[in-house]
Amino acid sequence: MTQYKGLMDKLTKFNEERQRLNEVVSHYAKSGMKKFLHLDHITYEAGSLDKRTKEMLGLVSSLVLRCDDCILYHLTQCLQLGITPGEILEVLEVGLLVGGSITIPHIRRAIDVMDQSIKK
């Protein structure tokens, strides 16, 4: 339970900081940046592909690009959408294949977050 509390604290802090930074960026952003951020938001809405598929694509892309914040964001979204640990592991395997061994530290952290979230 303590391990899960630590995860929830980490995710809460991450989401709060992300929200705070988004507000700061929104305050200063010009038209081009605002359009890009809006595009980022609408890209993950359901369309021909459902939201689950798009979040898994976001997770694998983030892994290949080695962006820890992005990995944590998309992993959290995947878990909230009910994507199973088995599905997440397969997504991470695709990322490993495409991104190579340099993605392993990021995979370790992603699996740790997933593991803690399912042990709640």
PDB file of N, CA and C in Angstrom:
ATOM      1  N   MET A   1       0.821  -1.194   0.000  1.00  0.00           N
ATOM      2  CA  MET A   1       0.000   0.000   0.000  1.00  0.00           C
ATOM      3  C   MET A   1       0.868   1.263   0.000  1.00  0.00           C
ATOM      4  N   THR A   2       1.954   1.260   0.751  1.00  0.00           N
ATOM      5  CA  THR A   2       2.855   2.410   0.781  1.00  0.00           C
ATOM      6  C   THR A   2       3.439   2.661  -0.599  1.00  0.00           C
ATOM      7  N   GLN A   3       3.795   1.570  -1.292  1.00  0.00           N
ATOM      8  CA  GLN A   3       4.350   1.713  -2.631  1.00  0.00           C
ATOM      9  C   GLN A   3       3.316   2.366  -3.554  1.00  0.00           C
ATOM     10  N   TYR A   4       2.046   1.963  -3.429  1.00  0.00           N
ATOM     11  CA  TYR A   4       0.995   2.540  -4.262  1.00  0.00           C
ATOM     12  C   TYR A   4       0.775   4.010  -3.911  1.00  0.00           C
ATOM     13  N   LYS A   5       0.803   4.333  -2.608  1.00  0.00           N
ATOM     14  CA  LYS A   5       0.661   5.727  -2.192  1.00  0.00           C
ATOM     15  C   LYS A   5       1.772   6.573  -2.812  1.00  0.00           C
ATOM     16  N   GLY A   6       3.001   6.048  -2.830  1.00  0.00           N
ATOM     17  CA  GLY A   6       4.109   6.760  -3.450  1.00  0.00           C
ATOM     18  C   GLY A   6       3.859   7.007  -4.926  1.00  0.00           C
ATOM     19  N   LEU A   7       3.295   6.014  -5.602  1.00  0.00           N
ATOM     20  CA  LEU A   7       2.976   6.179  -7.020  1.00  0.00           C
ATOM     21  C   LEU A   7       1.911   7.250  -7.197  1.00  0.00           C
ATOM     22  N   MET A   8       0.863   7.178  -6.392  1.00  0.00           N
ATOM     23  CA  MET A   8      -0.217   8.154  -6.525  1.00  0.00           C
ATOM     24  C   MET A   8       0.292   9.566  -6.238  1.00  0.00           C
ATOM     25  N   ASP A   9       1.168   9.697  -5.242  1.00  0.00           N
ATOM     26  CA  ASP A   9       1.767  11.002  -4.959  1.00  0.00           C
ATOM     27  C   ASP A   9       2.559  11.492  -6.164  1.00  0.00           C
ATOM     28  N   LYS A  10       3.341  10.591  -6.775  1.00  0.00           N
ATOM     29  CA  LYS A  10       4.145  10.946  -7.939  1.00  0.00           C
ATOM     30  C   LYS A  10       3.251  11.374  -9.099  1.00  0.00           C
ATOM     31  N   LEU A  11       2.193  10.613  -9.363  1.00  0.00           N
ATOM     32  CA  LEU A  11       1.298  10.940 -10.472  1.00  0.00           C
ATOM     33  C   LEU A  11       0.538  12.228 -10.206  1.00  0.00           C
ATOM     34  N   THR A  12       0.121  12.432  -8.954  1.00  0.00           N
ATOM     35  CA  THR A  12      -0.578  13.667  -8.599  1.00  0.00           C
ATOM     36  C   THR A  12       0.337  14.861  -8.802  1.00  0.00           C
ATOM     37  N   LYS A  13       1.574  14.768  -8.316  1.00  0.00           N
ATOM     38  CA  LYS A  13       2.533  15.865  -8.493  1.00  0.00           C
ATOM     39  C   LYS A  13       2.814  16.108  -9.973  1.00  0.00           C
ATOM     40  N   PHE A  14       2.979  15.031 -10.721  1.00  0.00           N
ATOM     41  CA  PHE A  14       3.234  15.150 -12.159  1.00  0.00           C
ATOM     42  C   PHE A  14       2.083  15.887 -12.840  1.00  0.00           C
ATOM     43  N   ASN A  15       0.845  15.466 -12.553  1.00  0.00           N
ATOM     44  CA  ASN A  15      -0.321  16.081 -13.191  1.00  0.00           C
ATOM     45  C   ASN A  15      -0.502  17.534 -12.768  1.00  0.00           C
ATOM     46  N   GLU A  16      -0.251  17.821 -11.488  1.00  0.00           N
ATOM     47  CA  GLU A  16      -0.357  19.202 -11.021  1.00  0.00           C
ATOM     48  C   GLU A  16       0.683  20.085 -11.691  1.00  0.00           C
ATOM     49  N   GLU A  17       1.920  19.604 -11.787  1.00  0.00           N
ATOM     50  CA  GLU A  17       2.981  20.378 -12.428  1.00  0.00           C
ATOM     51  C   GLU A  17       2.701  20.550 -13.919  1.00  0.00           C
ATOM     52  N   ARG A  18       2.200  19.514 -14.555  1.00  0.00           N
ATOM     53  CA  ARG A  18       1.862  19.586 -15.974  1.00  0.00           C
ATOM     54  C   ARG A  18       0.778  20.640 -16.201  1.00  0.00           C
ATOM     55  N   GLN A  19      -0.248  20.624 -15.351  1.00  0.00           N
ATOM     56  CA  GLN A  19      -1.333  21.598 -15.461  1.00  0.00           C
ATOM     57  C   GLN A  19      -0.809  23.020 -15.238  1.00  0.00           C
ATOM     58  N   ARG A  20       0.021  23.198 -14.220  1.00  0.00           N
ATOM     59  CA  ARG A  20       0.581  24.518 -13.921  1.00  0.00           C
ATOM     60  C   ARG A  20       1.393  25.039 -15.108  1.00  0.00           C
ATOM     61  N   LEU A  21       2.245  24.173 -15.642  1.00  0.00           N
ATOM     62  CA  LEU A  21       3.080  24.588 -16.772  1.00  0.00           C
ATOM     63  C   LEU A  21       2.247  24.874 -18.018  1.00  0.00           C
ATOM     64  N   ASN A  22       1.190  24.085 -18.228  1.00  0.00           N
ATOM     65  CA  ASN A  22       0.299  24.359 -19.365  1.00  0.00           C
ATOM     66  C   ASN A  22      -0.347  25.731 -19.232  1.00  0.00           C
ATOM     67  N   GLU A  23      -0.711  26.105 -18.004  1.00  0.00           N
ATOM     68  CA  GLU A  23      -1.306  27.420 -17.784  1.00  0.00           C
ATOM     69  C   GLU A  23      -0.299  28.540 -18.057  1.00  0.00           C
ATOM     70  N   VAL A  24       0.948  28.352 -17.625  1.00  0.00           N
ATOM     71  CA  VAL A  24       1.987  29.351 -17.890  1.00  0.00           C
ATOM     72  C   VAL A  24       2.212  29.485 -19.396  1.00  0.00           C
ATOM     73  N   VAL A  25       2.323  28.349 -20.071  1.00  0.00           N
ATOM     74  CA  VAL A  25       2.531  28.374 -21.526  1.00  0.00           C
ATOM     75  C   VAL A  25       1.348  29.063 -22.213  1.00  0.00           C
ATOM     76  N   SER A  26       0.136  28.731 -21.795  1.00  0.00           N
ATOM     77  CA  SER A  26      -1.056  29.337 -22.409  1.00  0.00           C
ATOM     78  C   SER A  26      -1.066  30.850 -22.257  1.00  0.00           C
ATOM     79  N   HIS A  27      -0.554  31.317 -21.131  1.00  0.00           N
ATOM     80  CA  HIS A  27      -0.506  32.764 -20.885  1.00  0.00           C
ATOM     81  C   HIS A  27       0.399  33.475 -21.900  1.00  0.00           C
ATOM     82  N   TYR A  28       1.520  32.845 -22.219  1.00  0.00           N
ATOM     83  CA  TYR A  28       2.513  33.476 -23.095  1.00  0.00           C
ATOM     84  C   TYR A  28       2.420  33.050 -24.553  1.00  0.00           C
ATOM     85  N   ALA A  29       1.757  31.950 -24.818  1.00  0.00           N
ATOM     86  CA  ALA A  29       1.766  31.372 -26.163  1.00  0.00           C
ATOM     87  C   ALA A  29       1.129  32.293 -27.200  1.00  0.00           C
ATOM     88  N   LYS A  30       1.746  32.294 -28.336  1.00  0.00           N
ATOM     89  CA  LYS A  30       1.212  33.018 -29.484  1.00  0.00           C
ATOM     90  C   LYS A  30       0.340  32.047 -30.288  1.00  0.00           C
ATOM     91  N   SER A  31      -0.253  32.526 -31.334  1.00  0.00           N
ATOM     92  CA  SER A  31      -1.208  31.769 -32.134  1.00  0.00           C
ATOM     93  C   SER A  31      -0.662  30.420 -32.610  1.00  0.00           C
ATOM     94  N   GLY A  32       0.563  30.388 -33.139  1.00  0.00           N
ATOM     95  CA  GLY A  32       1.123  29.149 -33.671  1.00  0.00           C
ATOM     96  C   GLY A  32       1.262  28.072 -32.607  1.00  0.00           C
ATOM     97  N   MET A  33       1.744  28.460 -31.431  1.00  0.00           N
ATOM     98  CA  MET A  33       1.904  27.484 -30.355  1.00  0.00           C
ATOM     99  C   MET A  33       0.542  27.005 -29.854  1.00  0.00           C
ATOM    100  N   LYS A  34      -0.407  27.931 -29.736  1.00  0.00           N
ATOM    101  CA  LYS A  34      -1.747  27.541 -29.290  1.00  0.00           C
ATOM    102  C   LYS A  34      -2.389  26.565 -30.273  1.00  0.00           C
ATOM    103  N   LYS A  35      -2.176  26.793 -31.557  1.00  0.00           N
ATOM    104  CA  LYS A  35      -2.727  25.882 -32.568  1.00  0.00           C
ATOM    105  C   LYS A  35      -2.077  24.504 -32.462  1.00  0.00           C
ATOM    106  N   PHE A  36      -0.776  24.480 -32.240  1.00  0.00           N
ATOM    107  CA  PHE A  36      -0.078  23.195 -32.105  1.00  0.00           C
ATOM    108  C   PHE A  36      -0.579  22.442 -30.877  1.00  0.00           C
ATOM    109  N   LEU A  37      -0.709  23.130 -29.753  1.00  0.00           N
ATOM    110  CA  LEU A  37      -1.188  22.484 -28.526  1.00  0.00           C
ATOM    111  C   LEU A  37      -2.610  21.971 -28.699  1.00  0.00           C
ATOM    112  N   HIS A  38      -3.434  22.718 -29.418  1.00  0.00           N
ATOM    113  CA  HIS A  38      -4.793  22.257 -29.697  1.00  0.00           C
ATOM    114  C   HIS A  38      -4.761  21.011 -30.588  1.00  0.00           C
ATOM    115  N   LEU A  39      -3.880  21.027 -31.569  1.00  0.00           N
ATOM    116  CA  LEU A  39      -3.722  19.862 -32.447  1.00  0.00           C
ATOM    117  C   LEU A  39      -3.317  18.637 -31.628  1.00  0.00           C
ATOM    118  N   ASP A  40      -2.397  18.824 -30.679  1.00  0.00           N
ATOM    119  CA  ASP A  40      -1.987  17.729 -29.805  1.00  0.00           C
ATOM    120  C   ASP A  40      -3.195  17.163 -29.068  1.00  0.00           C
ATOM    121  N   HIS A  41      -4.039  18.042 -28.562  1.00  0.00           N
ATOM    122  CA  HIS A  41      -5.225  17.598 -27.814  1.00  0.00           C
ATOM    123  C   HIS A  41      -6.206  16.825 -28.702  1.00  0.00           C
ATOM    124  N   ILE A  42      -6.545  17.391 -29.842  1.00  0.00           N
ATOM    125  CA  ILE A  42      -7.568  16.759 -30.681  1.00  0.00           C
ATOM    126  C   ILE A  42      -7.069  15.494 -31.376  1.00  0.00           C
ATOM    127  N   THR A  43      -5.767  15.361 -31.535  1.00  0.00           N
ATOM    128  CA  THR A  43      -5.214  14.173 -32.188  1.00  0.00           C
ATOM    129  C   THR A  43      -5.564  12.906 -31.423  1.00  0.00           C
ATOM    130  N   TYR A  44      -5.650  13.002 -30.113  1.00  0.00           N
ATOM    131  CA  TYR A  44      -5.904  11.811 -29.293  1.00  0.00           C
ATOM    132  C   TYR A  44      -7.388  11.539 -29.055  1.00  0.00           C
ATOM    133  N   GLU A  45      -8.261  12.359 -29.642  1.00  0.00           N
ATOM    134  CA  GLU A  45      -9.687  12.080 -29.568  1.00  0.00           C
ATOM    135  C   GLU A  45     -10.027  10.939 -30.532  1.00  0.00           C
ATOM    136  N   ALA A  46     -11.103  10.233 -30.234  1.00  0.00           N
ATOM    137  CA  ALA A  46     -11.528   9.122 -31.091  1.00  0.00           C
ATOM    138  C   ALA A  46     -11.891   9.628 -32.479  1.00  0.00           C
ATOM    139  N   GLY A  47     -11.503   8.866 -33.467  1.00  0.00           N
ATOM    140  CA  GLY A  47     -11.825   9.146 -34.871  1.00  0.00           C
ATOM    141  C   GLY A  47     -11.898   7.801 -35.565  1.00  0.00           C
ATOM    142  N   SER A  48     -11.206   7.647 -36.661  1.00  0.00           N
ATOM    143  CA  SER A  48     -11.133   6.338 -37.314  1.00  0.00           C
ATOM    144  C   SER A  48     -10.465   5.329 -36.377  1.00  0.00           C
ATOM    145  N   LEU A  49      -9.501   5.822 -35.588  1.00  0.00           N
ATOM    146  CA  LEU A  49      -8.893   5.005 -34.534  1.00  0.00           C
ATOM    147  C   LEU A  49      -9.519   5.406 -33.205  1.00  0.00           C
ATOM    148  N   ASP A  50      -9.739   4.424 -32.341  1.00  0.00           N
ATOM    149  CA  ASP A  50     -10.296   4.761 -31.030  1.00  0.00           C
ATOM    150  C   ASP A  50      -9.217   5.359 -30.127  1.00  0.00           C
ATOM    151  N   LYS A  51      -9.664   5.962 -29.024  1.00  0.00           N
ATOM    152  CA  LYS A  51      -8.764   6.636 -28.099  1.00  0.00           C
ATOM    153  C   LYS A  51      -7.727   5.668 -27.521  1.00  0.00           C
ATOM    154  N   ARG A  52      -8.120   4.424 -27.242  1.00  0.00           N
ATOM    155  CA  ARG A  52      -7.192   3.421 -26.700  1.00  0.00           C
ATOM    156  C   ARG A  52      -6.010   3.219 -27.649  1.00  0.00           C
ATOM    157  N   THR A  53      -6.321   3.013 -28.908  1.00  0.00           N
ATOM    158  CA  THR A  53      -5.275   2.781 -29.905  1.00  0.00           C
ATOM    159  C   THR A  53      -4.354   3.995 -30.003  1.00  0.00           C
ATOM    160  N   LYS A  54      -4.943   5.174 -30.020  1.00  0.00           N
ATOM    161  CA  LYS A  54      -4.136   6.383 -30.136  1.00  0.00           C
ATOM    162  C   LYS A  54      -3.218   6.566 -28.928  1.00  0.00           C
ATOM    163  N   GLU A  55      -3.697   6.247 -27.731  1.00  0.00           N
ATOM    164  CA  GLU A  55      -2.851   6.373 -26.543  1.00  0.00           C
ATOM    165  C   GLU A  55      -1.718   5.340 -26.562  1.00  0.00           C
ATOM    166  N   MET A  56      -2.006   4.133 -27.079  1.00  0.00           N
ATOM    167  CA  MET A  56      -0.930   3.146 -27.196  1.00  0.00           C
ATOM    168  C   MET A  56       0.107   3.616 -28.207  1.00  0.00           C
ATOM    169  N   LEU A  57      -0.345   4.231 -29.293  1.00  0.00           N
ATOM    170  CA  LEU A  57       0.594   4.799 -30.265  1.00  0.00           C
ATOM    171  C   LEU A  57       1.404   5.933 -29.633  1.00  0.00           C
ATOM    172  N   GLY A  58       0.748   6.747 -28.830  1.00  0.00           N
ATOM    173  CA  GLY A  58       1.451   7.815 -28.119  1.00  0.00           C
ATOM    174  C   GLY A  58       2.495   7.260 -27.168  1.00  0.00           C
ATOM    175  N   LEU A  59       2.167   6.163 -26.499  1.00  0.00           N
ATOM    176  CA  LEU A  59       3.113   5.536 -25.563  1.00  0.00           C
ATOM    177  C   LEU A  59       4.327   4.992 -26.303  1.00  0.00           C
ATOM    178  N   VAL A  60       4.122   4.269 -27.380  1.00  0.00           N
ATOM    179  CA  VAL A  60       5.260   3.697 -28.099  1.00  0.00           C
ATOM    180  C   VAL A  60       6.106   4.802 -28.730  1.00  0.00           C
ATOM    181  N   SER A  61       5.460   5.837 -29.243  1.00  0.00           N
ATOM    182  CA  SER A  61       6.215   6.954 -29.831  1.00  0.00           C
ATOM    183  C   SER A  61       7.042   7.668 -28.767  1.00  0.00           C
ATOM    184  N   SER A  62       6.453   7.879 -27.611  1.00  0.00           N
ATOM    185  CA  SER A  62       7.156   8.545 -26.510  1.00  0.00           C
ATOM    186  C   SER A  62       8.338   7.722 -26.036  1.00  0.00           C
ATOM    187  N   LEU A  63       8.169   6.407 -26.025  1.00  0.00           N
ATOM    188  CA  LEU A  63       9.265   5.523 -25.621  1.00  0.00           C
ATOM    189  C   LEU A  63      10.422   5.626 -26.610  1.00  0.00           C
ATOM    190  N   VAL A  64      10.104   5.570 -27.889  1.00  0.00           N
ATOM    191  CA  VAL A  64      11.155   5.638 -28.911  1.00  0.00           C
ATOM    192  C   VAL A  64      11.878   6.992 -28.846  1.00  0.00           C
ATOM    193  N   LEU A  65      11.140   8.050 -28.539  1.00  0.00           N
ATOM    194  CA  LEU A  65      11.748   9.376 -28.428  1.00  0.00           C
ATOM    195  C   LEU A  65      12.391   9.604 -27.054  1.00  0.00           C
ATOM    196  N   ARG A  66      12.181   8.676 -26.135  1.00  0.00           N
ATOM    197  CA  ARG A  66      12.779   8.696 -24.785  1.00  0.00           C
ATOM    198  C   ARG A  66      12.391   9.937 -23.988  1.00  0.00           C
ATOM    199  N   CYS A  67      11.106  10.252 -24.014  1.00  0.00           N
ATOM    200  CA  CYS A  67      10.585  11.392 -23.250  1.00  0.00           C
ATOM    201  C   CYS A  67       9.865  10.854 -22.015  1.00  0.00           C
ATOM    202  N   ASP A  68      10.519  10.940 -20.865  1.00  0.00           N
ATOM    203  CA  ASP A  68       9.924  10.384 -19.645  1.00  0.00           C
ATOM    204  C   ASP A  68       8.584  11.018 -19.295  1.00  0.00           C
ATOM    205  N   ASP A  69       8.462  12.337 -19.429  1.00  0.00           N
ATOM    206  CA  ASP A  69       7.174  12.972 -19.145  1.00  0.00           C
ATOM    207  C   ASP A  69       6.083  12.443 -20.071  1.00  0.00           C
ATOM    208  N   CYS A  70       6.411  12.300 -21.339  1.00  0.00           N
ATOM    209  CA  CYS A  70       5.438  11.803 -22.318  1.00  0.00           C
ATOM    210  C   CYS A  70       5.068  10.346 -22.037  1.00  0.00           C
ATOM    211  N   ILE A  71       6.068   9.549 -21.693  1.00  0.00           N
ATOM    212  CA  ILE A  71       5.814   8.140 -21.364  1.00  0.00           C
ATOM    213  C   ILE A  71       4.867   8.053 -20.185  1.00  0.00           C
ATOM    214  N   LEU A  72       5.146   8.814 -19.129  1.00  0.00           N
ATOM    215  CA  LEU A  72       4.303   8.790 -17.939  1.00  0.00           C
ATOM    216  C   LEU A  72       2.890   9.259 -18.265  1.00  0.00           C
ATOM    217  N   TYR A  73       2.773  10.307 -19.056  1.00  0.00           N
ATOM    218  CA  TYR A  73       1.455  10.807 -19.436  1.00  0.00           C
ATOM    219  C   TYR A  73       0.666   9.742 -20.204  1.00  0.00           C
ATOM    220  N   HIS A  74       1.263   9.187 -21.251  1.00  0.00           N
ATOM    221  CA  HIS A  74       0.530   8.223 -22.075  1.00  0.00           C
ATOM    222  C   HIS A  74       0.300   6.913 -21.340  1.00  0.00           C
ATOM    223  N   LEU A  75       1.227   6.501 -20.499  1.00  0.00           N
ATOM    224  CA  LEU A  75       1.022   5.294 -19.694  1.00  0.00           C
ATOM    225  C   LEU A  75      -0.163   5.483 -18.754  1.00  0.00           C
ATOM    226  N   THR A  76      -0.231   6.638 -18.119  1.00  0.00           N
ATOM    227  CA  THR A  76      -1.361   6.943 -17.234  1.00  0.00           C
ATOM    228  C   THR A  76      -2.673   6.928 -18.010  1.00  0.00           C
ATOM    229  N   GLN A  77      -2.669   7.539 -19.185  1.00  0.00           N
ATOM    230  CA  GLN A  77      -3.875   7.537 -20.019  1.00  0.00           C
ATOM    231  C   GLN A  77      -4.275   6.108 -20.391  1.00  0.00           C
ATOM    232  N   CYS A  78      -3.278   5.289 -20.758  1.00  0.00           N
ATOM    233  CA  CYS A  78      -3.551   3.891 -21.114  1.00  0.00           C
ATOM    234  C   CYS A  78      -4.190   3.145 -19.946  1.00  0.00           C
ATOM    235  N   LEU A  79      -3.631   3.307 -18.765  1.00  0.00           N
ATOM    236  CA  LEU A  79      -4.171   2.619 -17.590  1.00  0.00           C
ATOM    237  C   LEU A  79      -5.585   3.090 -17.284  1.00  0.00           C
ATOM    238  N   GLN A  80      -5.837   4.382 -17.413  1.00  0.00           N
ATOM    239  CA  GLN A  80      -7.176   4.909 -17.162  1.00  0.00           C
ATOM    240  C   GLN A  80      -8.188   4.409 -18.183  1.00  0.00           C
ATOM    241  N   LEU A  81      -7.725   4.115 -19.381  1.00  0.00           N
ATOM    242  CA  LEU A  81      -8.626   3.607 -20.429  1.00  0.00           C
ATOM    243  C   LEU A  81      -8.819   2.096 -20.352  1.00  0.00           C
ATOM    244  N   GLY A  82      -8.195   1.467 -19.355  1.00  0.00           N
ATOM    245  CA  GLY A  82      -8.374   0.028 -19.168  1.00  0.00           C
ATOM    246  C   GLY A  82      -7.483  -0.832 -20.039  1.00  0.00           C
ATOM    247  N   ILE A  83      -6.447  -0.257 -20.595  1.00  0.00           N
ATOM    248  CA  ILE A  83      -5.500  -1.048 -21.378  1.00  0.00           C
ATOM    249  C   ILE A  83      -4.770  -1.965 -20.407  1.00  0.00           C
ATOM    250  N   THR A  84      -4.731  -3.228 -20.718  1.00  0.00           N
ATOM    251  CA  THR A  84      -4.233  -4.234 -19.790  1.00  0.00           C
ATOM    252  C   THR A  84      -2.706  -4.227 -19.716  1.00  0.00           C
ATOM    253  N   PRO A  85      -2.167  -4.761 -18.608  1.00  0.00           N
ATOM    254  CA  PRO A  85      -0.711  -4.895 -18.524  1.00  0.00           C
ATOM    255  C   PRO A  85      -0.124  -5.676 -19.703  1.00  0.00           C
ATOM    256  N   GLY A  86      -0.818  -6.701 -20.156  1.00  0.00           N
ATOM    257  CA  GLY A  86      -0.338  -7.467 -21.310  1.00  0.00           C
ATOM    258  C   GLY A  86      -0.251  -6.616 -22.559  1.00  0.00           C
ATOM    259  N   GLU A  87      -1.253  -5.787 -22.785  1.00  0.00           N
ATOM    260  CA  GLU A  87      -1.237  -4.890 -23.944  1.00  0.00           C
ATOM    261  C   GLU A  87      -0.109  -3.866 -23.811  1.00  0.00           C
ATOM    262  N   ILE A  88       0.049  -3.317 -22.610  1.00  0.00           N
ATOM    263  CA  ILE A  88       1.111  -2.331 -22.389  1.00  0.00           C
ATOM    264  C   ILE A  88       2.477  -2.961 -22.626  1.00  0.00           C
ATOM    265  N   LEU A  89       2.671  -4.173 -22.156  1.00  0.00           N
ATOM    266  CA  LEU A  89       3.963  -4.836 -22.368  1.00  0.00           C
ATOM    267  C   LEU A  89       4.240  -5.044 -23.856  1.00  0.00           C
ATOM    268  N   GLU A  90       3.219  -5.377 -24.626  1.00  0.00           N
ATOM    269  CA  GLU A  90       3.422  -5.528 -26.069  1.00  0.00           C
ATOM    270  C   GLU A  90       3.751  -4.192 -26.726  1.00  0.00           C
ATOM    271  N   VAL A  91       3.113  -3.117 -26.267  1.00  0.00           N
ATOM    272  CA  VAL A  91       3.441  -1.783 -26.779  1.00  0.00           C
ATOM    273  C   VAL A  91       4.903  -1.466 -26.477  1.00  0.00           C
ATOM    274  N   LEU A  92       5.337  -1.770 -25.249  1.00  0.00           N
ATOM    275  CA  LEU A  92       6.722  -1.507 -24.859  1.00  0.00           C
ATOM    276  C   LEU A  92       7.695  -2.365 -25.667  1.00  0.00           C
ATOM    277  N   GLU A  93       7.289  -3.575 -26.017  1.00  0.00           N
ATOM    278  CA  GLU A  93       8.139  -4.429 -26.855  1.00  0.00           C
ATOM    279  C   GLU A  93       8.324  -3.819 -28.246  1.00  0.00           C
ATOM    280  N   VAL A  94       7.256  -3.252 -28.793  1.00  0.00           N
ATOM    281  CA  VAL A  94       7.370  -2.591 -30.098  1.00  0.00           C
ATOM    282  C   VAL A  94       8.337  -1.413 -29.978  1.00  0.00           C
ATOM    283  N   GLY A  95       8.188  -0.638 -28.906  1.00  0.00           N
ATOM    284  CA  GLY A  95       9.093   0.487 -28.684  1.00  0.00           C
ATOM    285  C   GLY A  95      10.540   0.054 -28.537  1.00  0.00           C
ATOM    286  N   LEU A  96      10.752  -1.073 -27.860  1.00  0.00           N
ATOM    287  CA  LEU A  96      12.109  -1.616 -27.705  1.00  0.00           C
ATOM    288  C   LEU A  96      12.680  -2.017 -29.065  1.00  0.00           C
ATOM    289  N   LEU A  97      11.874  -2.671 -29.862  1.00  0.00           N
ATOM    290  CA  LEU A  97      12.332  -3.103 -31.181  1.00  0.00           C
ATOM    291  C   LEU A  97      12.704  -1.898 -32.049  1.00  0.00           C
ATOM    292  N   VAL A  98      11.846  -0.900 -32.044  1.00  0.00           N
ATOM    293  CA  VAL A  98      12.084   0.274 -32.891  1.00  0.00           C
ATOM    294  C   VAL A  98      13.185   1.167 -32.310  1.00  0.00           C
ATOM    295  N   GLY A  99      13.160   1.360 -31.006  1.00  0.00           N
ATOM    296  CA  GLY A  99      14.076   2.297 -30.367  1.00  0.00           C
ATOM    297  C   GLY A  99      15.405   1.711 -29.939  1.00  0.00           C
ATOM    298  N   GLY A 100      15.467   0.397 -29.805  1.00  0.00           N
ATOM    299  CA  GLY A 100      16.713  -0.242 -29.404  1.00  0.00           C
ATOM    300  C   GLY A 100      16.942  -0.249 -27.899  1.00  0.00           C
ATOM    301  N   SER A 101      18.111  -0.718 -27.529  1.00  0.00           N
ATOM    302  CA  SER A 101      18.416  -0.936 -26.120  1.00  0.00           C
ATOM    303  C   SER A 101      18.463   0.354 -25.305  1.00  0.00           C
ATOM    304  N   ILE A 102      18.596   1.492 -25.956  1.00  0.00           N
ATOM    305  CA  ILE A 102      18.628   2.755 -25.217  1.00  0.00           C
ATOM    306  C   ILE A 102      17.282   3.051 -24.556  1.00  0.00           C
ATOM    307  N   THR A 103      16.220   2.365 -24.982  1.00  0.00           N
ATOM    308  CA  THR A 103      14.902   2.561 -24.372  1.00  0.00           C
ATOM    309  C   THR A 103      14.729   1.751 -23.091  1.00  0.00           C
ATOM    310  N   ILE A 104      15.641   0.842 -22.792  1.00  0.00           N
ATOM    311  CA  ILE A 104      15.479  -0.053 -21.631  1.00  0.00           C
ATOM    312  C   ILE A 104      15.288   0.697 -20.310  1.00  0.00           C
ATOM    313  N   PRO A 105      16.079   1.731 -19.998  1.00  0.00           N
ATOM    314  CA  PRO A 105      15.825   2.435 -18.728  1.00  0.00           C
ATOM    315  C   PRO A 105      14.409   3.024 -18.654  1.00  0.00           C
ATOM    316  N   HIS A 106      13.900   3.494 -19.779  1.00  0.00           N
ATOM    317  CA  HIS A 106      12.555   4.058 -19.821  1.00  0.00           C
ATOM    318  C   HIS A 106      11.509   2.950 -19.662  1.00  0.00           C
ATOM    319  N   ILE A 107      11.780   1.804 -20.240  1.00  0.00           N
ATOM    320  CA  ILE A 107      10.889   0.652 -20.095  1.00  0.00           C
ATOM    321  C   ILE A 107      10.842   0.214 -18.635  1.00  0.00           C
ATOM    322  N   ARG A 108      11.983   0.186 -17.972  1.00  0.00           N
ATOM    323  CA  ARG A 108      12.019  -0.185 -16.549  1.00  0.00           C
ATOM    324  C   ARG A 108      11.097   0.715 -15.737  1.00  0.00           C
ATOM    325  N   ARG A 109      11.216   2.021 -15.951  1.00  0.00           N
ATOM    326  CA  ARG A 109      10.389   2.963 -15.183  1.00  0.00           C
ATOM    327  C   ARG A 109       8.911   2.803 -15.540  1.00  0.00           C
ATOM    328  N   ALA A 110       8.604   2.598 -16.799  1.00  0.00           N
ATOM    329  CA  ALA A 110       7.208   2.425 -17.215  1.00  0.00           C
ATOM    330  C   ALA A 110       6.608   1.173 -16.596  1.00  0.00           C
ATOM    331  N   ILE A 111       7.355   0.088 -16.603  1.00  0.00           N
ATOM    332  CA  ILE A 111       6.848  -1.160 -16.017  1.00  0.00           C
ATOM    333  C   ILE A 111       6.690  -1.008 -14.511  1.00  0.00           C
ATOM    334  N   ASP A 112       7.582  -0.267 -13.865  1.00  0.00           N
ATOM    335  CA  ASP A 112       7.448  -0.029 -12.430  1.00  0.00           C
ATOM    336  C   ASP A 112       6.162   0.731 -12.125  1.00  0.00           C
ATOM    337  N   VAL A 113       5.864   1.773 -12.906  1.00  0.00           N
ATOM    338  CA  VAL A 113       4.620   2.523 -12.711  1.00  0.00           C
ATOM    339  C   VAL A 113       3.422   1.617 -12.936  1.00  0.00           C
ATOM    340  N   MET A 114       3.457   0.823 -13.994  1.00  0.00           N
ATOM    341  CA  MET A 114       2.363  -0.094 -14.286  1.00  0.00           C
ATOM    342  C   MET A 114       2.196  -1.095 -13.146  1.00  0.00           C
ATOM    343  N   ASP A 115       3.307  -1.665 -12.683  1.00  0.00           N
ATOM    344  CA  ASP A 115       3.278  -2.654 -11.612  1.00  0.00           C
ATOM    345  C   ASP A 115       2.670  -2.068 -10.337  1.00  0.00           C
ATOM    346  N   GLN A 116       3.104  -0.879  -9.982  1.00  0.00           N
ATOM    347  CA  GLN A 116       2.568  -0.247  -8.775  1.00  0.00           C
ATOM    348  C   GLN A 116       1.082   0.066  -8.922  1.00  0.00           C
ATOM    349  N   SER A 117       0.654   0.431 -10.117  1.00  0.00           N
ATOM    350  CA  SER A 117      -0.751   0.787 -10.310  1.00  0.00           C
ATOM    351  C   SER A 117      -1.654  -0.442 -10.227  1.00  0.00           C
ATOM    352  N   ILE A 118      -1.155  -1.609 -10.613  1.00  0.00           N
ATOM    353  CA  ILE A 118      -2.000  -2.809 -10.549  1.00  0.00           C
ATOM    354  C   ILE A 118      -1.953  -3.478  -9.181  1.00  0.00           C
ATOM    355  N   LYS A 119      -1.019  -3.058  -8.326  1.00  0.00           N
ATOM    356  CA  LYS A 119      -0.922  -3.619  -6.970  1.00  0.00           C
ATOM    357  C   LYS A 119      -1.739  -2.829  -5.955  1.00  0.00           C
ATOM    358  N   LYS A 120      -2.459  -1.829  -6.416  1.00  0.00           N
ATOM    359  CA  LYS A 120      -3.218  -0.986  -5.485  1.00  0.00           C
ATOM    360  C   LYS A 120      -4.188  -1.743  -4.717  1.00  0.00           C
TER     361      LYS A 120
END
